[in-house]
Amino acid sequence: MYKMKKLLLILLFIPLFSFSQDKVKFIASGLTCSMCSRAVHKSLESDKDIIKIETNLETQEWNIEYKQGTYTYDKLKKSVEGAGFSVERIWLHGELIIDNRKKKK
C-alpha cells in the first residue's frame, strides 16, 4: 500500500516538472564538422540556466532546455556567436519565433 501511494504521488508531480523548462530548438549556420559543434556546445554549457543540450550535426539543429523563464534570444545568440557561428532560426515550445534567413528577392 505504501509503494502504491508513493507511486501515485510521483505520477501526480511529473506533469508539474515537465513544464518547468523553456524548450528551445535552433538551427545554427556555419557548422561544418564535429569540432564546430563542440565549440557551440562548450559555449552553451557555460550558461548555468541550461539544463539539457542535444544536437544533430547533420541538420545543424539544437534542442535546449532552459530553466523556466530564463531563455532570452540575446543570451542564446551571444553563446552561439561567441563560438564563431550564427543563429538561423529559433523555435520556443515548438513555435517559430526567430527567422534570420535571408529573404530571396
C-alpha atoms as a PDB file:
ATOM      1  CA  MET A   1       0.000   0.000   0.000  1.00  0.00           C
ATOM      2  CA  TYR A   2       2.838   2.401   0.853  1.00  0.00           C
ATOM      3  CA  LYS A   3       4.526   1.755  -2.514  1.00  0.00           C
ATOM      4  CA  MET A   4       1.254   2.430  -4.310  1.00  0.00           C
ATOM      5  CA  LYS A   5       0.827   5.804  -2.552  1.00  0.00           C
ATOM      6  CA  LYS A   6       4.408   6.731  -3.324  1.00  0.00           C
ATOM      7  CA  LEU A   7       3.956   5.833  -6.998  1.00  0.00           C
ATOM      8  CA  LEU A   8       0.730   7.846  -7.169  1.00  0.00           C
ATOM      9  CA  LEU A   9       2.460  10.906  -5.690  1.00  0.00           C
ATOM     10  CA  ILE A  10       5.294  10.617  -8.195  1.00  0.00           C
ATOM     11  CA  LEU A  11       2.851  10.340 -11.088  1.00  0.00           C
ATOM     12  CA  LEU A  12       0.952  13.393  -9.870  1.00  0.00           C
ATOM     13  CA  PHE A  13       4.092  15.540  -9.774  1.00  0.00           C
ATOM     14  CA  ILE A  14       5.514  14.531 -13.175  1.00  0.00           C
ATOM     15  CA  PRO A  15       3.294  16.980 -15.103  1.00  0.00           C
ATOM     16  CA  LEU A  16       4.391  19.825 -12.834  1.00  0.00           C
ATOM     17  CA  PHE A  17       8.028  19.260 -13.629  1.00  0.00           C
ATOM     18  CA  SER A  18       7.602  18.587 -17.340  1.00  0.00           C
ATOM     19  CA  PHE A  19       6.585  22.212 -17.934  1.00  0.00           C
ATOM     20  CA  SER A  20       9.243  23.733 -15.723  1.00  0.00           C
ATOM     21  CA  GLN A  21      11.629  24.311 -18.634  1.00  0.00           C
ATOM     22  CA  ASP A  22      11.716  26.548 -21.683  1.00  0.00           C
ATOM     23  CA  LYS A  23      12.217  24.183 -24.628  1.00  0.00           C
ATOM     24  CA  VAL A  24      14.188  25.869 -27.381  1.00  0.00           C
ATOM     25  CA  LYS A  25      15.171  24.449 -30.762  1.00  0.00           C
ATOM     26  CA  PHE A  26      17.500  26.373 -33.018  1.00  0.00           C
ATOM     27  CA  ILE A  27      19.439  25.951 -36.217  1.00  0.00           C
ATOM     28  CA  ALA A  28      22.970  27.301 -36.300  1.00  0.00           C
ATOM     29  CA  SER A  29      24.553  28.206 -39.583  1.00  0.00           C
ATOM     30  CA  GLY A  30      28.177  27.697 -40.487  1.00  0.00           C
ATOM     31  CA  LEU A  31      28.731  24.385 -38.698  1.00  0.00           C
ATOM     32  CA  THR A  32      30.727  22.060 -40.909  1.00  0.00           C
ATOM     33  CA  CYS A  33      32.258  19.482 -38.593  1.00  0.00           C
ATOM     34  CA  SER A  34      32.130  17.949 -35.136  1.00  0.00           C
ATOM     35  CA  MET A  35      34.718  20.465 -33.889  1.00  0.00           C
ATOM     36  CA  CYS A  36      32.352  23.291 -34.841  1.00  0.00           C
ATOM     37  CA  SER A  37      29.547  21.557 -32.999  1.00  0.00           C
ATOM     38  CA  ARG A  38      31.776  21.038 -29.972  1.00  0.00           C
ATOM     39  CA  ALA A  39      32.679  24.747 -29.879  1.00  0.00           C
ATOM     40  CA  VAL A  40      28.989  25.732 -29.771  1.00  0.00           C
ATOM     41  CA  HIS A  41      28.219  23.013 -27.220  1.00  0.00           C
ATOM     42  CA  LYS A  42      31.026  24.194 -24.957  1.00  0.00           C
ATOM     43  CA  SER A  43      29.848  27.790 -25.219  1.00  0.00           C
ATOM     44  CA  LEU A  44      26.266  26.774 -24.361  1.00  0.00           C
ATOM     45  CA  GLU A  45      27.484  24.722 -21.395  1.00  0.00           C
ATOM     46  CA  SER A  46      28.775  27.893 -19.774  1.00  0.00           C
ATOM     47  CA  ASP A  47      25.170  29.120 -19.393  1.00  0.00           C
ATOM     48  CA  LYS A  48      24.087  27.923 -15.935  1.00  0.00           C
ATOM     49  CA  ASP A  49      20.394  28.264 -16.889  1.00  0.00           C
ATOM     50  CA  ILE A  50      20.648  25.491 -19.489  1.00  0.00           C
ATOM     51  CA  ILE A  51      19.512  22.113 -18.186  1.00  0.00           C
ATOM     52  CA  LYS A  52      19.952  19.940 -21.283  1.00  0.00           C
ATOM     53  CA  ILE A  53      21.667  20.238 -24.679  1.00  0.00           C
ATOM     54  CA  GLU A  54      21.119  17.905 -27.645  1.00  0.00           C
ATOM     55  CA  THR A  55      22.446  18.384 -31.156  1.00  0.00           C
ATOM     56  CA  ASN A  56      22.170  16.883 -34.625  1.00  0.00           C
ATOM     57  CA  LEU A  57      25.235  17.775 -36.688  1.00  0.00           C
ATOM     58  CA  GLU A  58      23.658  16.650 -39.967  1.00  0.00           C
ATOM     59  CA  THR A  59      20.726  19.065 -39.675  1.00  0.00           C
ATOM     60  CA  GLN A  60      22.584  21.641 -37.550  1.00  0.00           C
ATOM     61  CA  GLU A  61      19.629  21.537 -35.139  1.00  0.00           C
ATOM     62  CA  TRP A  62      19.992  22.032 -31.413  1.00  0.00           C
ATOM     63  CA  ASN A  63      17.441  21.242 -28.727  1.00  0.00           C
ATOM     64  CA  ILE A  64      17.995  23.024 -25.446  1.00  0.00           C
ATOM     65  CA  GLU A  65      16.090  23.097 -22.194  1.00  0.00           C
ATOM     66  CA  TYR A  66      16.440  26.232 -20.088  1.00  0.00           C
ATOM     67  CA  LYS A  67      15.193  26.708 -16.554  1.00  0.00           C
ATOM     68  CA  GLN A  68      11.676  28.163 -16.784  1.00  0.00           C
ATOM     69  CA  GLY A  69      11.711  31.857 -17.656  1.00  0.00           C
ATOM     70  CA  THR A  70      15.466  32.149 -18.189  1.00  0.00           C
ATOM     71  CA  TYR A  71      15.651  31.864 -22.016  1.00  0.00           C
ATOM     72  CA  THR A  72      16.404  35.063 -23.929  1.00  0.00           C
ATOM     73  CA  TYR A  73      17.307  35.462 -27.576  1.00  0.00           C
ATOM     74  CA  ASP A  74      20.251  37.693 -26.701  1.00  0.00           C
ATOM     75  CA  LYS A  75      21.718  35.119 -24.334  1.00  0.00           C
ATOM     76  CA  LEU A  76      21.430  32.294 -26.892  1.00  0.00           C
ATOM     77  CA  LYS A  77      22.762  34.477 -29.704  1.00  0.00           C
ATOM     78  CA  LYS A  78      25.737  35.562 -27.586  1.00  0.00           C
ATOM     79  CA  SER A  79      26.648  31.929 -26.814  1.00  0.00           C
ATOM     80  CA  VAL A  80      26.429  30.797 -30.447  1.00  0.00           C
ATOM     81  CA  GLU A  81      28.189  33.846 -31.879  1.00  0.00           C
ATOM     82  CA  GLY A  82      30.825  33.585 -29.155  1.00  0.00           C
ATOM     83  CA  ALA A  83      31.739  30.224 -30.661  1.00  0.00           C
ATOM     84  CA  GLY A  84      32.003  31.808 -34.132  1.00  0.00           C
ATOM     85  CA  PHE A  85      28.645  30.833 -35.641  1.00  0.00           C
ATOM     86  CA  SER A  86      25.214  32.380 -36.127  1.00  0.00           C
ATOM     87  CA  VAL A  87      21.625  31.569 -35.222  1.00  0.00           C
ATOM     88  CA  GLU A  88      19.453  30.979 -38.275  1.00  0.00           C
ATOM     89  CA  ARG A  89      16.081  30.043 -36.731  1.00  0.00           C
ATOM     90  CA  ILE A  90      14.671  29.572 -33.241  1.00  0.00           C
ATOM     91  CA  TRP A  91      11.580  27.750 -32.012  1.00  0.00           C
ATOM     92  CA  LEU A  92      10.269  28.207 -28.460  1.00  0.00           C
ATOM     93  CA  HIS A  93       7.960  25.398 -27.307  1.00  0.00           C
ATOM     94  CA  GLY A  94       7.565  24.342 -30.947  1.00  0.00           C
ATOM     95  CA  GLU A  95       6.619  27.778 -32.326  1.00  0.00           C
ATOM     96  CA  LEU A  96       8.974  29.552 -34.755  1.00  0.00           C
ATOM     97  CA  ILE A  97       9.854  32.863 -33.116  1.00  0.00           C
ATOM     98  CA  ILE A  98      13.032  33.989 -34.936  1.00  0.00           C
ATOM     99  CA  ASP A  99      13.880  33.533 -38.623  1.00  0.00           C
ATOM    100  CA  ASN A 100      17.157  35.140 -39.692  1.00  0.00           C
ATOM    101  CA  ARG A 101      17.322  33.520 -43.119  1.00  0.00           C
ATOM    102  CA  LYS A 102      17.911  35.992 -45.910  1.00  0.00           C
ATOM    103  CA  LYS A 103      14.826  36.606 -47.980  1.00  0.00           C
ATOM    104  CA  LYS A 104      15.136  35.943 -51.711  1.00  0.00           C
ATOM    105  CA  LYS A 105      14.246  38.931 -53.878  1.00  0.00           C
END
